[in-house]
Amino acid sequence: MTVVEQEHPGPMTEPAEHATTEPIVRPGPHRWLWYALGGGLPQRHRGWVLFDTTTSTWWARHLTRMLVQMSLPIALILVFLPAPFGLRAAVAGGGIFLGLIYSLAYMPETTENRVVKAGYPAGTATAHRERAAHQRDLRDSERRRAANARRAARYRDRHGR
Protein backbone atom coordinates (compact mmCIF):
# COMPACT_ATOMS: atom_id res chain seq x y z
CA MET A 1 0.00 0.00 0.00
CA THR A 2 1.46 3.39 -0.96
CA VAL A 3 1.55 6.43 1.27
CA VAL A 4 -1.23 8.09 -0.74
CA GLU A 5 -3.52 5.10 -0.28
CA GLN A 6 -2.86 5.16 3.46
CA GLU A 7 -3.79 8.85 3.64
CA HIS A 8 -7.02 8.30 1.68
CA PRO A 9 -8.40 4.91 2.61
CA GLY A 10 -11.58 3.54 1.19
CA PRO A 11 -13.48 4.28 -1.99
CA MET A 12 -11.48 7.33 -3.02
CA THR A 13 -8.50 5.28 -4.18
CA GLU A 14 -10.35 2.48 -5.96
CA PRO A 15 -12.06 4.48 -8.74
CA ALA A 16 -8.81 6.17 -9.80
CA GLU A 17 -7.23 2.75 -10.31
CA HIS A 18 -10.32 1.56 -12.15
CA ALA A 19 -10.36 4.73 -14.27
CA THR A 20 -7.05 3.89 -15.94
CA THR A 21 -8.83 1.05 -17.78
CA GLU A 22 -11.64 3.24 -19.09
CA PRO A 23 -11.32 4.54 -22.65
CA ILE A 24 -10.50 8.22 -23.05
CA VAL A 25 -12.99 9.51 -25.62
CA ARG A 26 -12.50 13.22 -26.26
CA PRO A 27 -15.76 15.13 -26.75
CA GLY A 28 -16.46 17.09 -29.91
CA PRO A 29 -16.12 20.89 -29.90
CA HIS A 30 -19.80 21.50 -29.18
CA ARG A 31 -19.80 19.03 -26.27
CA TRP A 32 -16.53 20.47 -24.94
CA LEU A 33 -18.05 23.95 -25.00
CA TRP A 34 -21.04 22.64 -23.03
CA TYR A 35 -18.62 20.94 -20.61
CA ALA A 36 -16.57 24.15 -20.25
CA LEU A 37 -19.74 26.04 -19.40
CA GLY A 38 -20.49 23.57 -16.60
CA GLY A 39 -22.65 20.99 -18.34
CA GLY A 40 -22.28 17.25 -18.03
CA LEU A 41 -21.03 14.92 -20.74
CA PRO A 42 -22.45 11.57 -21.87
CA GLN A 43 -21.22 8.43 -20.11
CA ARG A 44 -18.79 7.52 -22.92
CA HIS A 45 -16.69 10.62 -22.05
CA ARG A 46 -16.36 9.60 -18.39
CA GLY A 47 -12.73 8.53 -18.74
CA TRP A 48 -11.84 11.75 -20.53
CA VAL A 49 -13.36 13.88 -17.74
CA LEU A 50 -11.11 12.13 -15.22
CA PHE A 51 -8.13 12.53 -17.55
CA ASP A 52 -8.99 16.23 -18.09
CA THR A 53 -9.06 16.90 -14.35
CA THR A 54 -6.01 14.83 -13.38
CA THR A 55 -3.45 15.21 -16.18
CA SER A 56 -0.32 17.25 -15.49
CA THR A 57 -1.91 20.28 -17.20
CA TRP A 58 -5.19 20.09 -15.26
CA TRP A 59 -4.69 23.58 -13.84
CA ALA A 60 -4.21 25.13 -17.31
CA ARG A 61 -7.27 23.28 -18.59
CA HIS A 62 -9.25 24.65 -15.64
CA LEU A 63 -8.13 28.21 -16.41
CA THR A 64 -9.07 27.74 -20.07
CA ARG A 65 -12.55 26.61 -19.05
CA MET A 66 -12.81 29.63 -16.74
CA LEU A 67 -11.91 32.02 -19.55
CA VAL A 68 -14.49 30.37 -21.83
CA GLN A 69 -17.12 30.81 -19.11
CA MET A 70 -16.24 34.48 -18.72
CA SER A 71 -16.02 35.27 -22.44
CA LEU A 72 -19.73 35.91 -22.94
CA PRO A 73 -20.21 38.34 -20.00
CA ILE A 74 -16.98 40.14 -20.90
CA ALA A 75 -18.06 40.47 -24.54
CA LEU A 76 -21.44 41.83 -23.43
CA ILE A 77 -19.74 44.40 -21.19
CA LEU A 78 -17.39 45.49 -23.96
CA VAL A 79 -20.24 45.86 -26.47
CA PHE A 80 -23.22 47.13 -24.49
CA LEU A 81 -21.94 49.09 -21.46
CA PRO A 82 -22.77 52.75 -22.18
CA ALA A 83 -19.35 54.19 -21.37
CA PRO A 84 -16.10 55.09 -23.10
CA PHE A 85 -14.15 52.08 -24.34
CA GLY A 86 -11.37 52.65 -21.78
CA LEU A 87 -13.86 52.31 -18.93
CA ARG A 88 -15.47 49.25 -20.53
CA ALA A 89 -12.02 47.65 -20.90
CA ALA A 90 -11.19 48.44 -17.27
CA VAL A 91 -14.47 46.91 -16.07
CA ALA A 92 -13.84 43.82 -18.21
CA GLY A 93 -10.27 43.54 -16.92
CA GLY A 94 -11.47 43.86 -13.32
CA GLY A 95 -14.07 41.17 -13.94
CA ILE A 96 -11.46 38.84 -15.41
CA PHE A 97 -9.14 39.52 -12.47
CA LEU A 98 -11.84 38.77 -9.87
CA GLY A 99 -12.97 35.71 -11.80
CA LEU A 100 -9.38 34.49 -11.91
CA ILE A 101 -8.97 34.92 -8.16
CA TYR A 102 -12.16 32.97 -7.39
CA SER A 103 -11.37 30.35 -9.99
CA LEU A 104 -7.92 29.73 -8.53
CA ALA A 105 -9.25 29.68 -4.98
CA TYR A 106 -11.81 26.97 -5.76
CA MET A 107 -9.91 25.05 -8.44
CA PRO A 108 -9.73 21.67 -6.64
CA GLU A 109 -13.39 21.81 -5.61
CA THR A 110 -14.52 22.76 -9.11
CA THR A 111 -12.60 19.94 -10.74
CA GLU A 112 -13.92 17.47 -8.16
CA ASN A 113 -17.46 18.61 -9.00
CA ARG A 114 -16.82 17.83 -12.68
CA VAL A 115 -15.58 14.34 -11.76
CA VAL A 116 -18.63 13.74 -9.56
CA LYS A 117 -20.89 14.80 -12.47
CA ALA A 118 -19.11 12.15 -14.57
CA GLY A 119 -20.10 9.48 -12.03
CA TYR A 120 -17.02 9.13 -9.84
CA PRO A 121 -17.08 9.44 -6.05
CA ALA A 122 -15.98 12.74 -4.52
CA GLY A 123 -12.23 12.84 -3.96
CA THR A 124 -11.33 10.68 -6.95
CA ALA A 125 -9.51 13.41 -8.91
CA THR A 126 -7.56 14.60 -5.87
CA ALA A 127 -6.53 11.05 -4.98
CA HIS A 128 -5.51 10.42 -8.60
CA ARG A 129 -3.40 13.62 -8.73
CA GLU A 130 -1.78 12.82 -5.37
CA ARG A 131 -0.94 9.30 -6.54
CA ALA A 132 0.60 10.70 -9.75
CA ALA A 133 2.59 13.26 -7.73
CA HIS A 134 3.85 10.49 -5.46
CA GLN A 135 4.96 8.44 -8.48
CA ARG A 136 6.75 11.51 -9.93
CA ASP A 137 8.48 12.04 -6.58
CA LEU A 138 9.62 8.42 -6.53
CA ARG A 139 11.00 8.68 -10.09
CA ASP A 140 12.77 11.96 -9.29
CA SER A 141 14.22 10.51 -6.12
CA GLU A 142 15.53 7.47 -8.00
CA ARG A 143 17.00 9.71 -10.71
CA ARG A 144 18.79 11.87 -8.10
CA ARG A 145 20.05 8.77 -6.29
CA ALA A 146 21.51 7.40 -9.53
CA ALA A 147 23.12 10.77 -10.37
CA ASN A 148 24.66 10.94 -6.88
CA ALA A 149 26.02 7.40 -7.26
CA ARG A 150 27.61 8.33 -10.62
CA ARG A 151 29.19 11.44 -9.10
CA ALA A 152 30.51 9.42 -6.16
CA ALA A 153 31.98 6.82 -8.55
CA ARG A 154 33.70 9.56 -10.59
CA TYR A 155 35.09 11.07 -7.40
CA ARG A 156 36.43 7.68 -6.25
CA ASP A 157 38.00 7.07 -9.66
CA ARG A 158 39.71 10.46 -9.69
CA HIS A 159 41.01 10.33 -6.15
CA GLY A 160 41.75 6.61 -5.94
CA ARG A 161 39.56 5.93 -2.95
C-alpha atoms as a PDB file:
ATOM      1  CA  MET A   1       0.000   0.000   0.000  1.00  0.00           C
ATOM      2  CA  THR A   2       1.457   3.389  -0.959  1.00  0.00           C
ATOM      3  CA  VAL A   3       1.550   6.430   1.270  1.00  0.00           C
ATOM      4  CA  VAL A   4      -1.228   8.089  -0.742  1.00  0.00           C
ATOM      5  CA  GLU A   5      -3.519   5.103  -0.277  1.00  0.00           C
ATOM      6  CA  GLN A   6      -2.862   5.158   3.464  1.00  0.00           C
ATOM      7  CA  GLU A   7      -3.787   8.849   3.639  1.00  0.00           C
ATOM      8  CA  HIS A   8      -7.018   8.303   1.682  1.00  0.00           C
ATOM      9  CA  PRO A   9      -8.399   4.906   2.606  1.00  0.00           C
ATOM     10  CA  GLY A  10     -11.585   3.536   1.188  1.00  0.00           C
ATOM     11  CA  PRO A  11     -13.482   4.277  -1.989  1.00  0.00           C
ATOM     12  CA  MET A  12     -11.482   7.326  -3.017  1.00  0.00           C
ATOM     13  CA  THR A  13      -8.500   5.275  -4.181  1.00  0.00           C
ATOM     14  CA  GLU A  14     -10.352   2.476  -5.960  1.00  0.00           C
ATOM     15  CA  PRO A  15     -12.058   4.483  -8.737  1.00  0.00           C
ATOM     16  CA  ALA A  16      -8.809   6.168  -9.802  1.00  0.00           C
ATOM     17  CA  GLU A  17      -7.227   2.750 -10.309  1.00  0.00           C
ATOM     18  CA  HIS A  18     -10.320   1.564 -12.148  1.00  0.00           C
ATOM     19  CA  ALA A  19     -10.359   4.729 -14.272  1.00  0.00           C
ATOM     20  CA  THR A  20      -7.053   3.894 -15.941  1.00  0.00           C
ATOM     21  CA  THR A  21      -8.829   1.054 -17.776  1.00  0.00           C
ATOM     22  CA  GLU A  22     -11.643   3.244 -19.085  1.00  0.00           C
ATOM     23  CA  PRO A  23     -11.323   4.543 -22.652  1.00  0.00           C
ATOM     24  CA  ILE A  24     -10.501   8.223 -23.054  1.00  0.00           C
ATOM     25  CA  VAL A  25     -12.992   9.512 -25.622  1.00  0.00           C
ATOM     26  CA  ARG A  26     -12.502  13.217 -26.257  1.00  0.00           C
ATOM     27  CA  PRO A  27     -15.758  15.133 -26.752  1.00  0.00           C
ATOM     28  CA  GLY A  28     -16.457  17.093 -29.912  1.00  0.00           C
ATOM     29  CA  PRO A  29     -16.118  20.890 -29.904  1.00  0.00           C
ATOM     30  CA  HIS A  30     -19.804  21.496 -29.183  1.00  0.00           C
ATOM     31  CA  ARG A  31     -19.796  19.028 -26.269  1.00  0.00           C
ATOM     32  CA  TRP A  32     -16.527  20.468 -24.935  1.00  0.00           C
ATOM     33  CA  LEU A  33     -18.052  23.952 -24.997  1.00  0.00           C
ATOM     34  CA  TRP A  34     -21.043  22.642 -23.034  1.00  0.00           C
ATOM     35  CA  TYR A  35     -18.620  20.935 -20.611  1.00  0.00           C
ATOM     36  CA  ALA A  36     -16.573  24.146 -20.252  1.00  0.00           C
ATOM     37  CA  LEU A  37     -19.742  26.043 -19.402  1.00  0.00           C
ATOM     38  CA  GLY A  38     -20.487  23.568 -16.598  1.00  0.00           C
ATOM     39  CA  GLY A  39     -22.648  20.989 -18.336  1.00  0.00           C
ATOM     40  CA  GLY A  40     -22.277  17.253 -18.027  1.00  0.00           C
ATOM     41  CA  LEU A  41     -21.029  14.924 -20.741  1.00  0.00           C
ATOM     42  CA  PRO A  42     -22.449  11.571 -21.874  1.00  0.00           C
ATOM     43  CA  GLN A  43     -21.215   8.434 -20.105  1.00  0.00           C
ATOM     44  CA  ARG A  44     -18.790   7.523 -22.924  1.00  0.00           C
ATOM     45  CA  HIS A  45     -16.688  10.616 -22.048  1.00  0.00           C
ATOM     46  CA  ARG A  46     -16.363   9.602 -18.388  1.00  0.00           C
ATOM     47  CA  GLY A  47     -12.726   8.527 -18.736  1.00  0.00           C
ATOM     48  CA  TRP A  48     -11.842  11.749 -20.531  1.00  0.00           C
ATOM     49  CA  VAL A  49     -13.358  13.875 -17.744  1.00  0.00           C
ATOM     50  CA  LEU A  50     -11.108  12.127 -15.219  1.00  0.00           C
ATOM     51  CA  PHE A  51      -8.134  12.530 -17.554  1.00  0.00           C
ATOM     52  CA  ASP A  52      -8.990  16.226 -18.087  1.00  0.00           C
ATOM     53  CA  THR A  53      -9.062  16.902 -14.351  1.00  0.00           C
ATOM     54  CA  THR A  54      -6.009  14.829 -13.376  1.00  0.00           C
ATOM     55  CA  THR A  55      -3.453  15.213 -16.183  1.00  0.00           C
ATOM     56  CA  SER A  56      -0.320  17.250 -15.485  1.00  0.00           C
ATOM     57  CA  THR A  57      -1.910  20.277 -17.200  1.00  0.00           C
ATOM     58  CA  TRP A  58      -5.194  20.090 -15.259  1.00  0.00           C
ATOM     59  CA  TRP A  59      -4.686  23.582 -13.843  1.00  0.00           C
ATOM     60  CA  ALA A  60      -4.210  25.125 -17.314  1.00  0.00           C
ATOM     61  CA  ARG A  61      -7.269  23.276 -18.588  1.00  0.00           C
ATOM     62  CA  HIS A  62      -9.249  24.649 -15.643  1.00  0.00           C
ATOM     63  CA  LEU A  63      -8.126  28.206 -16.413  1.00  0.00           C
ATOM     64  CA  THR A  64      -9.073  27.742 -20.071  1.00  0.00           C
ATOM     65  CA  ARG A  65     -12.550  26.613 -19.047  1.00  0.00           C
ATOM     66  CA  MET A  66     -12.813  29.625 -16.737  1.00  0.00           C
ATOM     67  CA  LEU A  67     -11.906  32.016 -19.552  1.00  0.00           C
ATOM     68  CA  VAL A  68     -14.487  30.369 -21.835  1.00  0.00           C
ATOM     69  CA  GLN A  69     -17.120  30.808 -19.114  1.00  0.00           C
ATOM     70  CA  MET A  70     -16.243  34.477 -18.724  1.00  0.00           C
ATOM     71  CA  SER A  71     -16.017  35.265 -22.442  1.00  0.00           C
ATOM     72  CA  LEU A  72     -19.735  35.909 -22.938  1.00  0.00           C
ATOM     73  CA  PRO A  73     -20.206  38.344 -19.997  1.00  0.00           C
ATOM     74  CA  ILE A  74     -16.978  40.140 -20.900  1.00  0.00           C
ATOM     75  CA  ALA A  75     -18.061  40.467 -24.544  1.00  0.00           C
ATOM     76  CA  LEU A  76     -21.442  41.829 -23.428  1.00  0.00           C
ATOM     77  CA  ILE A  77     -19.735  44.396 -21.187  1.00  0.00           C
ATOM     78  CA  LEU A  78     -17.394  45.491 -23.963  1.00  0.00           C
ATOM     79  CA  VAL A  79     -20.239  45.858 -26.470  1.00  0.00           C
ATOM     80  CA  PHE A  80     -23.224  47.128 -24.487  1.00  0.00           C
ATOM     81  CA  LEU A  81     -21.942  49.085 -21.463  1.00  0.00           C
ATOM     82  CA  PRO A  82     -22.767  52.747 -22.178  1.00  0.00           C
ATOM     83  CA  ALA A  83     -19.348  54.186 -21.365  1.00  0.00           C
ATOM     84  CA  PRO A  84     -16.100  55.086 -23.101  1.00  0.00           C
ATOM     85  CA  PHE A  85     -14.145  52.084 -24.341  1.00  0.00           C
ATOM     86  CA  GLY A  86     -11.367  52.654 -21.777  1.00  0.00           C
ATOM     87  CA  LEU A  87     -13.856  52.309 -18.930  1.00  0.00           C
ATOM     88  CA  ARG A  88     -15.466  49.245 -20.534  1.00  0.00           C
ATOM     89  CA  ALA A  89     -12.019  47.646 -20.901  1.00  0.00           C
ATOM     90  CA  ALA A  90     -11.193  48.440 -17.267  1.00  0.00           C
ATOM     91  CA  VAL A  91     -14.471  46.911 -16.071  1.00  0.00           C
ATOM     92  CA  ALA A  92     -13.835  43.816 -18.212  1.00  0.00           C
ATOM     93  CA  GLY A  93     -10.270  43.543 -16.918  1.00  0.00           C
ATOM     94  CA  GLY A  94     -11.468  43.856 -13.323  1.00  0.00           C
ATOM     95  CA  GLY A  95     -14.066  41.168 -13.943  1.00  0.00           C
ATOM     96  CA  ILE A  96     -11.459  38.836 -15.414  1.00  0.00           C
ATOM     97  CA  PHE A  97      -9.142  39.525 -12.473  1.00  0.00           C
ATOM     98  CA  LEU A  98     -11.836  38.775  -9.873  1.00  0.00           C
ATOM     99  CA  GLY A  99     -12.972  35.712 -11.797  1.00  0.00           C
ATOM    100  CA  LEU A 100      -9.382  34.486 -11.915  1.00  0.00           C
ATOM    101  CA  ILE A 101      -8.975  34.918  -8.157  1.00  0.00           C
ATOM    102  CA  TYR A 102     -12.162  32.969  -7.392  1.00  0.00           C
ATOM    103  CA  SER A 103     -11.366  30.351  -9.988  1.00  0.00           C
ATOM    104  CA  LEU A 104      -7.916  29.727  -8.530  1.00  0.00           C
ATOM    105  CA  ALA A 105      -9.252  29.683  -4.976  1.00  0.00           C
ATOM    106  CA  TYR A 106     -11.814  26.975  -5.761  1.00  0.00           C
ATOM    107  CA  MET A 107      -9.912  25.053  -8.439  1.00  0.00           C
ATOM    108  CA  PRO A 108      -9.730  21.666  -6.643  1.00  0.00           C
ATOM    109  CA  GLU A 109     -13.389  21.807  -5.612  1.00  0.00           C
ATOM    110  CA  THR A 110     -14.523  22.759  -9.108  1.00  0.00           C
ATOM    111  CA  THR A 111     -12.601  19.941 -10.743  1.00  0.00           C
ATOM    112  CA  GLU A 112     -13.925  17.468  -8.159  1.00  0.00           C
ATOM    113  CA  ASN A 113     -17.456  18.607  -8.997  1.00  0.00           C
ATOM    114  CA  ARG A 114     -16.816  17.826 -12.680  1.00  0.00           C
ATOM    115  CA  VAL A 115     -15.577  14.342 -11.757  1.00  0.00           C
ATOM    116  CA  VAL A 116     -18.628  13.741  -9.556  1.00  0.00           C
ATOM    117  CA  LYS A 117     -20.888  14.795 -12.469  1.00  0.00           C
ATOM    118  CA  ALA A 118     -19.111  12.150 -14.568  1.00  0.00           C
ATOM    119  CA  GLY A 119     -20.103   9.476 -12.031  1.00  0.00           C
ATOM    120  CA  TYR A 120     -17.021   9.129  -9.838  1.00  0.00           C
ATOM    121  CA  PRO A 121     -17.083   9.443  -6.046  1.00  0.00           C
ATOM    122  CA  ALA A 122     -15.982  12.740  -4.516  1.00  0.00           C
ATOM    123  CA  GLY A 123     -12.230  12.840  -3.955  1.00  0.00           C
ATOM    124  CA  THR A 124     -11.328  10.684  -6.949  1.00  0.00           C
ATOM    125  CA  ALA A 125      -9.514  13.411  -8.908  1.00  0.00           C
ATOM    126  CA  THR A 126      -7.562  14.603  -5.874  1.00  0.00           C
ATOM    127  CA  ALA A 127      -6.525  11.051  -4.984  1.00  0.00           C
ATOM    128  CA  HIS A 128      -5.514  10.420  -8.604  1.00  0.00           C
ATOM    129  CA  ARG A 129      -3.403  13.621  -8.733  1.00  0.00           C
ATOM    130  CA  GLU A 130      -1.784  12.817  -5.370  1.00  0.00           C
ATOM    131  CA  ARG A 131      -0.936   9.304  -6.545  1.00  0.00           C
ATOM    132  CA  ALA A 132       0.597  10.702  -9.748  1.00  0.00           C
ATOM    133  CA  ALA A 133       2.592  13.260  -7.731  1.00  0.00           C
ATOM    134  CA  HIS A 134       3.848  10.494  -5.460  1.00  0.00           C
ATOM    135  CA  GLN A 135       4.955   8.444  -8.484  1.00  0.00           C
ATOM    136  CA  ARG A 136       6.753  11.506  -9.926  1.00  0.00           C
ATOM    137  CA  ASP A 137       8.480  12.041  -6.585  1.00  0.00           C
ATOM    138  CA  LEU A 138       9.625   8.425  -6.526  1.00  0.00           C
ATOM    139  CA  ARG A 139      10.998   8.682 -10.090  1.00  0.00           C
ATOM    140  CA  ASP A 140      12.769  11.959  -9.294  1.00  0.00           C
ATOM    141  CA  SER A 141      14.223  10.506  -6.116  1.00  0.00           C
ATOM    142  CA  GLU A 142      15.534   7.475  -8.002  1.00  0.00           C
ATOM    143  CA  ARG A 143      16.998   9.705 -10.713  1.00  0.00           C
ATOM    144  CA  ARG A 144      18.786  11.868  -8.097  1.00  0.00           C
ATOM    145  CA  ARG A 145      20.048   8.767  -6.292  1.00  0.00           C
ATOM    146  CA  ALA A 146      21.510   7.401  -9.530  1.00  0.00           C
ATOM    147  CA  ALA A 147      23.120  10.775 -10.367  1.00  0.00           C
ATOM    148  CA  ASN A 148      24.663  10.936  -6.881  1.00  0.00           C
ATOM    149  CA  ALA A 149      26.019   7.397  -7.259  1.00  0.00           C
ATOM    150  CA  ARG A 150      27.605   8.326 -10.621  1.00  0.00           C
ATOM    151  CA  ARG A 151      29.195  11.436  -9.099  1.00  0.00           C
ATOM    152  CA  ALA A 152      30.508   9.418  -6.164  1.00  0.00           C
ATOM    153  CA  ALA A 153      31.979   6.823  -8.547  1.00  0.00           C
ATOM    154  CA  ARG A 154      33.703   9.560 -10.592  1.00  0.00           C
ATOM    155  CA  TYR A 155      35.090  11.073  -7.399  1.00  0.00           C
ATOM    156  CA  ARG A 156      36.426   7.677  -6.250  1.00  0.00           C
ATOM    157  CA  ASP A 157      37.997   7.072  -9.663  1.00  0.00           C
ATOM    158  CA  ARG A 158      39.710  10.459  -9.686  1.00  0.00           C
ATOM    159  CA  HIS A 159      41.012  10.325  -6.148  1.00  0.00           C
ATOM    160  CA  GLY A 160      41.753   6.609  -5.939  1.00  0.00           C
ATOM    161  CA  ARG A 161      39.559   5.928  -2.955  1.00  0.00           C
END
